[in-house]
Amino acid sequence: MTNIRSPKYAAGHPNRPHDCEEVMELAFKDLINSAVASGWREAEVAIAIADLAEEHVIALARKGE
C-alpha cells in the first residue's frame, strides 16, 4: 500500500488542493491495481470508488465541513 505523505502547504494555501490530488493519485492507482489483481474489473472498482467518494462528500456536507 502507498504511504501517504504529509501536506507540503498549510491549510488555506492555494497549492494545497493540487498537492493533495497528486498524493491521492498515487494511492488511488495502487488501490485500483490491487483490486484488479484480486479479480475485480477496473470499471467495477472505479464505480465503487466514485460511489463511496460521493457518499463521503455528502456525509461531510451534513457535518458542515
N, C-alpha and C. Protein backbone atom coordinates (compact mmCIF):
# COMPACT_ATOMS: atom_id res chain seq x y z
N MET A 1 0.84 -1.17 0.00
CA MET A 1 0.00 0.00 0.00
C MET A 1 0.90 1.24 0.00
N THR A 2 0.45 2.27 -0.67
CA THR A 2 1.19 3.51 -0.79
C THR A 2 1.19 4.27 0.54
N ASN A 3 2.36 4.76 0.93
CA ASN A 3 2.42 5.66 2.08
C ASN A 3 1.99 7.04 1.61
N ILE A 4 1.13 7.66 2.37
CA ILE A 4 0.63 8.98 2.01
C ILE A 4 1.44 10.01 2.80
N ARG A 5 2.14 10.86 2.05
CA ARG A 5 2.99 11.85 2.71
C ARG A 5 2.15 13.01 3.25
N SER A 6 2.73 13.73 4.15
CA SER A 6 2.08 14.90 4.74
C SER A 6 2.01 16.04 3.72
N PRO A 7 1.10 16.98 3.94
CA PRO A 7 0.99 18.12 3.03
C PRO A 7 2.26 18.97 3.03
N LYS A 8 2.55 19.55 1.87
CA LYS A 8 3.67 20.48 1.75
C LYS A 8 3.27 21.88 2.18
N TYR A 9 1.97 22.18 2.13
CA TYR A 9 1.48 23.54 2.35
C TYR A 9 0.50 23.57 3.52
N ALA A 10 0.41 24.70 4.15
CA ALA A 10 -0.52 24.91 5.25
C ALA A 10 -1.95 24.98 4.71
N ALA A 11 -2.90 24.68 5.57
CA ALA A 11 -4.32 24.78 5.20
C ALA A 11 -4.60 26.18 4.69
N GLY A 12 -5.36 26.26 3.60
CA GLY A 12 -5.70 27.54 3.02
C GLY A 12 -4.75 28.00 1.92
N HIS A 13 -3.60 27.38 1.81
CA HIS A 13 -2.64 27.77 0.75
C HIS A 13 -3.22 27.36 -0.59
N PRO A 14 -3.08 28.20 -1.62
CA PRO A 14 -3.70 27.89 -2.91
C PRO A 14 -3.15 26.64 -3.60
N ASN A 15 -1.95 26.19 -3.25
CA ASN A 15 -1.38 24.99 -3.87
C ASN A 15 -1.74 23.70 -3.14
N ARG A 16 -2.35 23.83 -1.98
CA ARG A 16 -2.66 22.63 -1.18
C ARG A 16 -3.60 21.65 -1.89
N PRO A 17 -4.69 22.10 -2.53
CA PRO A 17 -5.55 21.12 -3.21
C PRO A 17 -4.83 20.32 -4.30
N HIS A 18 -3.99 20.98 -5.06
CA HIS A 18 -3.24 20.29 -6.11
C HIS A 18 -2.25 19.30 -5.49
N ASP A 19 -1.61 19.70 -4.43
CA ASP A 19 -0.68 18.82 -3.71
C ASP A 19 -1.40 17.58 -3.21
N CYS A 20 -2.58 17.78 -2.65
CA CYS A 20 -3.38 16.65 -2.15
C CYS A 20 -3.76 15.71 -3.28
N GLU A 21 -4.15 16.28 -4.41
CA GLU A 21 -4.55 15.46 -5.55
C GLU A 21 -3.38 14.61 -6.06
N GLU A 22 -2.20 15.18 -6.10
CA GLU A 22 -1.02 14.41 -6.53
C GLU A 22 -0.76 13.23 -5.60
N VAL A 23 -0.86 13.48 -4.31
CA VAL A 23 -0.61 12.43 -3.32
C VAL A 23 -1.70 11.35 -3.42
N MET A 24 -2.95 11.76 -3.53
CA MET A 24 -4.05 10.81 -3.59
C MET A 24 -4.02 10.00 -4.88
N GLU A 25 -3.51 10.57 -5.97
CA GLU A 25 -3.45 9.85 -7.24
C GLU A 25 -2.60 8.59 -7.11
N LEU A 26 -1.49 8.68 -6.41
CA LEU A 26 -0.63 7.50 -6.23
C LEU A 26 -1.35 6.42 -5.44
N ALA A 27 -2.02 6.80 -4.37
CA ALA A 27 -2.75 5.83 -3.55
C ALA A 27 -3.93 5.27 -4.33
N PHE A 28 -4.59 6.11 -5.12
CA PHE A 28 -5.72 5.70 -5.94
C PHE A 28 -5.29 4.64 -6.96
N LYS A 29 -4.20 4.89 -7.65
CA LYS A 29 -3.71 3.92 -8.64
C LYS A 29 -3.32 2.61 -7.97
N ASP A 30 -2.73 2.69 -6.79
CA ASP A 30 -2.38 1.49 -6.03
C ASP A 30 -3.64 0.69 -5.69
N LEU A 31 -4.66 1.38 -5.23
CA LEU A 31 -5.92 0.73 -4.86
C LEU A 31 -6.56 0.05 -6.07
N ILE A 32 -6.61 0.76 -7.19
CA ILE A 32 -7.18 0.20 -8.42
C ILE A 32 -6.40 -1.05 -8.84
N ASN A 33 -5.08 -0.94 -8.89
CA ASN A 33 -4.25 -2.07 -9.32
C ASN A 33 -4.41 -3.27 -8.40
N SER A 34 -4.50 -3.03 -7.12
CA SER A 34 -4.66 -4.12 -6.15
C SER A 34 -6.01 -4.81 -6.33
N ALA A 35 -7.06 -4.03 -6.53
CA ALA A 35 -8.39 -4.60 -6.72
C ALA A 35 -8.47 -5.40 -8.02
N VAL A 36 -7.89 -4.87 -9.09
CA VAL A 36 -7.88 -5.57 -10.38
C VAL A 36 -7.08 -6.87 -10.26
N ALA A 37 -5.97 -6.83 -9.56
CA ALA A 37 -5.16 -8.04 -9.35
C ALA A 37 -5.92 -9.09 -8.55
N SER A 38 -6.89 -8.64 -7.74
CA SER A 38 -7.69 -9.57 -6.95
C SER A 38 -8.88 -10.13 -7.72
N GLY A 39 -9.07 -9.64 -8.95
CA GLY A 39 -10.12 -10.21 -9.78
C GLY A 39 -11.27 -9.28 -10.13
N TRP A 40 -11.27 -8.07 -9.56
CA TRP A 40 -12.32 -7.11 -9.88
C TRP A 40 -12.02 -6.44 -11.21
N ARG A 41 -13.06 -6.11 -11.97
CA ARG A 41 -12.86 -5.36 -13.21
C ARG A 41 -12.63 -3.90 -12.86
N GLU A 42 -11.79 -3.27 -13.65
CA GLU A 42 -11.42 -1.87 -13.37
C GLU A 42 -12.64 -0.96 -13.32
N ALA A 43 -13.60 -1.17 -14.21
CA ALA A 43 -14.81 -0.35 -14.22
C ALA A 43 -15.61 -0.52 -12.92
N GLU A 44 -15.68 -1.76 -12.42
CA GLU A 44 -16.39 -2.01 -11.16
C GLU A 44 -15.74 -1.24 -10.02
N VAL A 45 -14.43 -1.30 -10.00
CA VAL A 45 -13.68 -0.64 -8.93
C VAL A 45 -13.87 0.88 -9.01
N ALA A 46 -13.77 1.43 -10.22
CA ALA A 46 -13.92 2.87 -10.39
C ALA A 46 -15.30 3.34 -9.96
N ILE A 47 -16.33 2.59 -10.32
CA ILE A 47 -17.69 2.97 -9.94
C ILE A 47 -17.86 2.88 -8.43
N ALA A 48 -17.34 1.83 -7.83
CA ALA A 48 -17.44 1.68 -6.37
C ALA A 48 -16.74 2.84 -5.66
N ILE A 49 -15.56 3.20 -6.12
CA ILE A 49 -14.82 4.30 -5.50
C ILE A 49 -15.58 5.61 -5.67
N ALA A 50 -16.12 5.84 -6.86
CA ALA A 50 -16.89 7.07 -7.10
C ALA A 50 -18.11 7.13 -6.18
N ASP A 51 -18.82 6.02 -6.04
CA ASP A 51 -19.99 5.99 -5.16
C ASP A 51 -19.59 6.25 -3.70
N LEU A 52 -18.51 5.62 -3.26
CA LEU A 52 -18.05 5.84 -1.89
C LEU A 52 -17.61 7.28 -1.66
N ALA A 53 -16.93 7.85 -2.65
CA ALA A 53 -16.49 9.24 -2.53
C ALA A 53 -17.69 10.17 -2.44
N GLU A 54 -18.71 9.92 -3.27
CA GLU A 54 -19.91 10.76 -3.23
C GLU A 54 -20.60 10.67 -1.86
N GLU A 55 -20.72 9.46 -1.34
CA GLU A 55 -21.33 9.28 -0.02
C GLU A 55 -20.53 10.00 1.06
N HIS A 56 -19.22 9.97 0.93
CA HIS A 56 -18.37 10.64 1.92
C HIS A 56 -18.53 12.16 1.85
N VAL A 57 -18.58 12.70 0.64
CA VAL A 57 -18.77 14.14 0.47
C VAL A 57 -20.11 14.57 1.05
N ILE A 58 -21.14 13.78 0.81
CA ILE A 58 -22.47 14.09 1.36
C ILE A 58 -22.43 14.07 2.89
N ALA A 59 -21.76 13.07 3.46
CA ALA A 59 -21.64 13.00 4.92
C ALA A 59 -20.88 14.20 5.48
N LEU A 60 -19.82 14.63 4.79
CA LEU A 60 -19.07 15.81 5.23
C LEU A 60 -19.94 17.06 5.16
N ALA A 61 -20.73 17.18 4.10
CA ALA A 61 -21.62 18.33 3.96
C ALA A 61 -22.64 18.37 5.08
N ARG A 62 -23.14 17.22 5.46
CA ARG A 62 -24.11 17.16 6.57
C ARG A 62 -23.49 17.59 7.89
N LYS A 63 -22.21 17.30 8.05
CA LYS A 63 -21.48 17.71 9.26
C LYS A 63 -21.15 19.18 9.25
N GLY A 64 -21.24 19.80 8.07
CA GLY A 64 -20.89 21.20 7.97
C GLY A 64 -19.43 21.45 7.66
N GLU A 65 -18.75 20.44 7.14
CA GLU A 65 -17.32 20.61 6.82
C GLU A 65 -17.15 21.17 5.44
